Amino acid sequence: MQKRRFNLHTIIEKRVLTESTFVLRLERNGLEFTAGQHIQVGPPNGIHTREYSIYSAPTDDFIEILVREIEDGVVTPALKKLEAGDSVVVNDAVGYFTIDKELAEGRQFLFVASGTGISPFHSFVQAFPALNYTLVHGIRFAEEAYERQHYEPSRYIACTSRAEKGDFHGRVTDWLTQNPLNNDTLCYLCGNCDMIHDVYDILEKQGISSKNIFTEVYF
């Protein structure tokens, strides 16, 4: 079957979460994906795109992405200006940061995210309602706990680095050091490369095999 490549998708809804962060809900237009995959998105009249993990579930009749504006960026300021009714270009979903359906039940999962790196985990949780997971989210302030109401309260831990308000004051590395894991836990890490490297080292020291650690780097 021929690939769709880049296609225009109309924005159905824009949800503003913070001053710099928002969710764009787009027409699906037949795009198929697996939870954890990403797409390239850009303004309709530009030549630049950026990769975004899909925020919504594969069963939804729309696509969502979670966007944080980078003030001197090429793509995100243009996306922030768009509203419902405008269009963006979207390519086919790709990527291997996914969960094997056979492992989704019966295994314990750890999700570690920094900032908007929470996106694929939002999709995982919706795709696998019975998932046994703990989500550790590294953010600066509690206000950046994006749509935390979508997660079971006992499973979501906001680690705030610049304010004491949150579930845990400190970085995700501090939380992991204080809360060792069972060595058969499946660990998924998504966010900036420094966080991923530091968390990877901690997990290996706790006895987690590298074959049970999966990573997706956000630059």
Protein backbone atom coordinates (compact mmCIF):
# COMPACT_ATOMS: atom_id res chain seq x y z
CA MET A 1 0.00 0.00 0.00
CA GLN A 2 1.39 3.40 -0.94
CA LYS A 3 2.38 5.65 1.94
CA ARG A 4 0.42 8.78 2.57
CA ARG A 5 3.56 10.89 3.11
CA PHE A 6 2.58 14.41 4.11
CA ASN A 7 -1.10 15.32 4.19
CA LEU A 8 -3.10 18.27 5.45
CA HIS A 9 -5.11 17.70 8.64
CA THR A 10 -7.60 20.23 9.95
CA ILE A 11 -7.35 21.30 13.59
CA ILE A 12 -10.56 20.31 15.41
CA GLU A 13 -9.67 21.75 18.80
CA LYS A 14 -6.88 23.55 20.63
CA ARG A 15 -6.55 23.07 24.41
CA VAL A 16 -4.28 25.51 26.19
CA LEU A 17 -2.67 23.87 29.24
CA THR A 18 -0.09 26.47 30.27
CA GLU A 19 1.23 29.73 28.85
CA SER A 20 3.57 27.78 26.57
CA THR A 21 1.96 24.36 26.26
CA PHE A 22 -1.11 23.22 24.34
CA VAL A 23 -2.78 20.19 22.76
CA LEU A 24 -3.80 20.18 19.11
CA ARG A 25 -6.60 17.78 18.17
CA LEU A 26 -6.51 16.99 14.46
CA GLU A 27 -8.68 15.19 11.96
CA ARG A 28 -7.47 11.61 11.71
CA ASN A 29 -7.82 11.32 7.93
CA GLY A 30 -7.13 7.59 7.94
CA LEU A 31 -3.78 7.81 9.70
CA GLU A 32 -2.93 4.51 11.40
CA PHE A 33 -0.56 4.23 14.35
CA THR A 34 0.42 2.19 17.37
CA ALA A 35 0.56 3.78 20.83
CA GLY A 36 4.04 5.21 21.33
CA GLN A 37 4.73 6.10 17.71
CA HIS A 38 5.41 9.63 16.48
CA ILE A 39 4.54 11.84 13.53
CA GLN A 40 6.08 14.91 11.92
CA VAL A 41 3.88 18.01 12.10
CA GLY A 42 4.34 21.50 10.73
CA PRO A 43 2.45 24.63 9.63
CA PRO A 44 0.68 24.31 6.27
CA ASN A 45 2.71 26.89 4.38
CA GLY A 46 6.12 26.16 5.88
CA ILE A 47 8.95 23.85 4.91
CA HIS A 48 9.81 22.75 8.45
CA THR A 49 8.26 20.04 10.62
CA ARG A 50 8.96 18.63 14.06
CA GLU A 51 8.51 15.14 15.48
CA TYR A 52 5.74 14.66 18.06
CA SER A 53 4.76 11.50 19.87
CA ILE A 54 1.04 10.95 19.42
CA TYR A 55 -0.84 11.92 22.58
CA SER A 56 -4.16 10.25 21.77
CA ALA A 57 -5.18 6.58 21.65
CA PRO A 58 -5.16 4.43 18.49
CA THR A 59 -8.92 3.88 18.89
CA ASP A 60 -9.77 7.59 18.89
CA ASP A 61 -11.28 9.08 15.74
CA PHE A 62 -8.82 11.98 15.93
CA ILE A 63 -5.10 12.57 16.52
CA GLU A 64 -3.68 14.70 19.32
CA ILE A 65 -0.20 16.09 19.94
CA LEU A 66 1.14 17.87 23.02
CA VAL A 67 3.21 20.91 22.06
CA ARG A 68 5.46 23.17 24.14
CA GLU A 69 6.38 26.44 22.46
CA ILE A 70 10.08 27.14 22.07
CA GLU A 71 10.24 30.93 21.71
CA ASP A 72 13.12 30.95 19.24
CA GLY A 73 11.99 27.75 17.53
CA VAL A 74 11.11 27.38 13.87
CA VAL A 75 7.93 25.27 14.18
CA THR A 76 6.34 25.65 17.63
CA PRO A 77 5.67 29.45 17.52
CA ALA A 78 3.88 28.93 14.20
CA LEU A 79 1.81 26.06 15.62
CA LYS A 80 0.88 28.15 18.64
CA LYS A 81 -0.69 30.79 16.39
CA LEU A 82 -3.03 28.25 14.76
CA GLU A 83 -6.62 27.75 15.89
CA ALA A 84 -9.49 25.33 15.22
CA GLY A 85 -10.26 25.33 11.50
CA ASP A 86 -6.65 25.87 10.45
CA SER A 87 -4.59 23.03 9.00
CA VAL A 88 -1.21 21.41 9.61
CA VAL A 89 0.86 18.99 7.56
CA VAL A 90 1.27 15.51 9.05
CA ASN A 91 3.24 12.50 7.87
CA ASP A 92 2.74 8.79 8.56
CA ALA A 93 3.40 7.45 12.04
CA VAL A 94 6.73 5.72 12.66
CA GLY A 95 8.77 4.46 15.61
CA TYR A 96 9.41 1.43 17.82
CA PHE A 97 8.77 2.92 21.28
CA THR A 98 5.76 0.65 21.72
CA ILE A 99 4.38 -2.00 24.06
CA ASP A 100 4.00 -5.61 23.01
CA LYS A 101 0.33 -6.44 23.50
CA GLU A 102 1.27 -9.82 24.95
CA LEU A 103 3.23 -8.07 27.72
CA ALA A 104 0.63 -5.40 28.47
CA GLU A 105 -1.14 -7.63 30.97
CA GLY A 106 0.66 -9.30 33.82
CA ARG A 107 3.84 -7.19 33.79
CA GLN A 108 4.78 -4.19 35.89
CA PHE A 109 5.70 -1.03 33.97
CA LEU A 110 7.65 2.08 34.93
CA PHE A 111 7.20 5.17 32.76
CA VAL A 112 9.67 8.03 33.29
CA ALA A 113 9.03 11.30 31.45
CA SER A 114 10.40 14.81 31.45
CA GLY A 115 8.14 17.66 30.31
CA THR A 116 6.17 16.89 27.16
CA GLY A 117 7.90 13.52 27.02
CA ILE A 118 4.77 12.32 28.79
CA SER A 119 2.96 12.15 25.42
CA PRO A 120 3.53 8.48 24.51
CA PHE A 121 2.61 7.41 28.05
CA HIS A 122 -0.69 9.25 27.74
CA SER A 123 -1.35 7.14 24.64
CA PHE A 124 -0.18 3.91 26.36
CA VAL A 125 -2.52 4.38 29.32
CA GLN A 126 -5.51 4.94 27.05
CA ALA A 127 -4.60 2.06 24.74
CA PHE A 128 -4.17 -0.45 27.59
CA PRO A 129 -6.72 0.34 30.35
CA ALA A 130 -5.60 -2.61 32.52
CA LEU A 131 -1.93 -1.62 32.45
CA ASN A 132 -0.05 -1.98 35.76
CA TYR A 133 2.10 1.14 35.62
CA THR A 134 3.79 3.85 37.65
CA LEU A 135 4.34 7.15 35.82
CA VAL A 136 7.09 9.40 37.17
CA HIS A 137 6.93 12.84 35.53
CA GLY A 138 9.81 15.29 35.85
CA ILE A 139 8.62 18.91 35.65
CA ARG A 140 9.65 22.29 37.05
CA PHE A 141 6.35 23.35 38.58
CA ALA A 142 3.14 21.52 39.53
CA GLU A 143 1.23 23.48 36.86
CA GLU A 144 3.16 21.47 34.25
CA ALA A 145 1.52 18.20 35.30
CA TYR A 146 -0.32 18.14 32.00
CA GLU A 147 -3.86 16.76 32.31
CA ARG A 148 -2.92 14.56 35.24
CA GLN A 149 -6.61 13.78 35.74
CA HIS A 150 -6.26 11.30 32.87
CA TYR A 151 -4.11 9.02 35.06
CA GLU A 152 -5.01 7.05 38.17
CA PRO A 153 -3.94 9.30 41.09
CA SER A 154 -2.01 6.52 42.80
CA ARG A 155 -0.01 5.83 39.65
CA TYR A 156 1.07 9.37 38.67
CA ILE A 157 3.95 11.08 40.50
CA ALA A 158 4.84 14.68 39.65
CA CYS A 159 8.49 15.33 40.54
CA THR A 160 8.90 19.10 40.74
CA SER A 161 12.44 20.46 40.61
CA ARG A 162 11.80 24.17 41.19
CA ALA A 163 8.95 24.21 43.67
CA GLU A 164 7.85 22.11 46.64
CA LYS A 165 4.29 21.90 45.40
CA GLY A 166 3.89 18.52 43.74
CA ASP A 167 3.93 14.86 44.70
CA PHE A 168 7.71 14.74 45.18
CA HIS A 169 10.13 17.66 45.48
CA GLY A 170 13.18 16.76 43.43
CA ARG A 171 14.14 15.21 40.12
CA VAL A 172 12.98 11.86 38.77
CA THR A 173 16.47 10.53 39.51
CA ASP A 174 15.98 11.38 43.20
CA TRP A 175 12.64 9.56 43.29
CA LEU A 176 14.08 6.47 41.60
CA THR A 177 17.04 6.36 43.97
CA GLN A 178 14.65 6.41 46.93
CA ASN A 179 12.19 3.91 45.39
CA PRO A 180 14.08 0.89 44.00
CA LEU A 181 12.25 -1.30 41.49
CA ASN A 182 11.69 -4.99 41.08
CA ASN A 183 14.29 -6.15 38.58
CA ASP A 184 11.66 -7.60 36.23
CA THR A 185 9.96 -4.19 35.72
CA LEU A 186 9.65 -3.00 32.11
CA CYS A 187 10.98 0.56 32.01
CA TYR A 188 10.14 3.18 29.38
CA LEU A 189 12.00 6.50 29.38
CA CYS A 190 11.00 9.52 27.30
CA GLY A 191 12.41 13.04 27.47
CA ASN A 192 15.69 14.90 27.27
CA CYS A 193 18.88 12.92 26.75
CA ASP A 194 20.50 13.90 30.08
CA MET A 195 17.53 12.56 32.03
CA ILE A 196 17.51 9.36 30.03
CA HIS A 197 21.23 8.72 30.56
CA ASP A 198 21.00 9.37 34.30
CA VAL A 199 17.88 7.22 34.77
CA TYR A 200 19.36 4.42 32.66
CA ASP A 201 22.41 4.28 34.95
CA ILE A 202 20.24 4.19 38.08
CA LEU A 203 18.06 1.39 36.71
CA GLU A 204 21.06 -0.74 35.73
CA LYS A 205 22.54 -0.29 39.22
CA GLN A 206 19.19 -1.50 40.64
CA GLY A 207 19.50 -4.69 38.62
CA ILE A 208 17.23 -3.85 35.68
CA SER A 209 18.48 -5.58 32.54
CA SER A 210 19.12 -3.35 29.52
CA LYS A 211 16.71 -5.54 27.54
CA ASN A 212 13.93 -4.26 29.83
CA ILE A 213 14.76 -0.56 29.30
CA PHE A 214 13.28 1.29 26.30
CA THR A 215 14.08 4.89 25.42
CA GLU A 216 12.77 7.74 23.28
CA VAL A 217 14.88 10.91 23.25
CA TYR A 218 13.28 14.37 22.99
CA PHE A 219 15.80 16.99 21.90
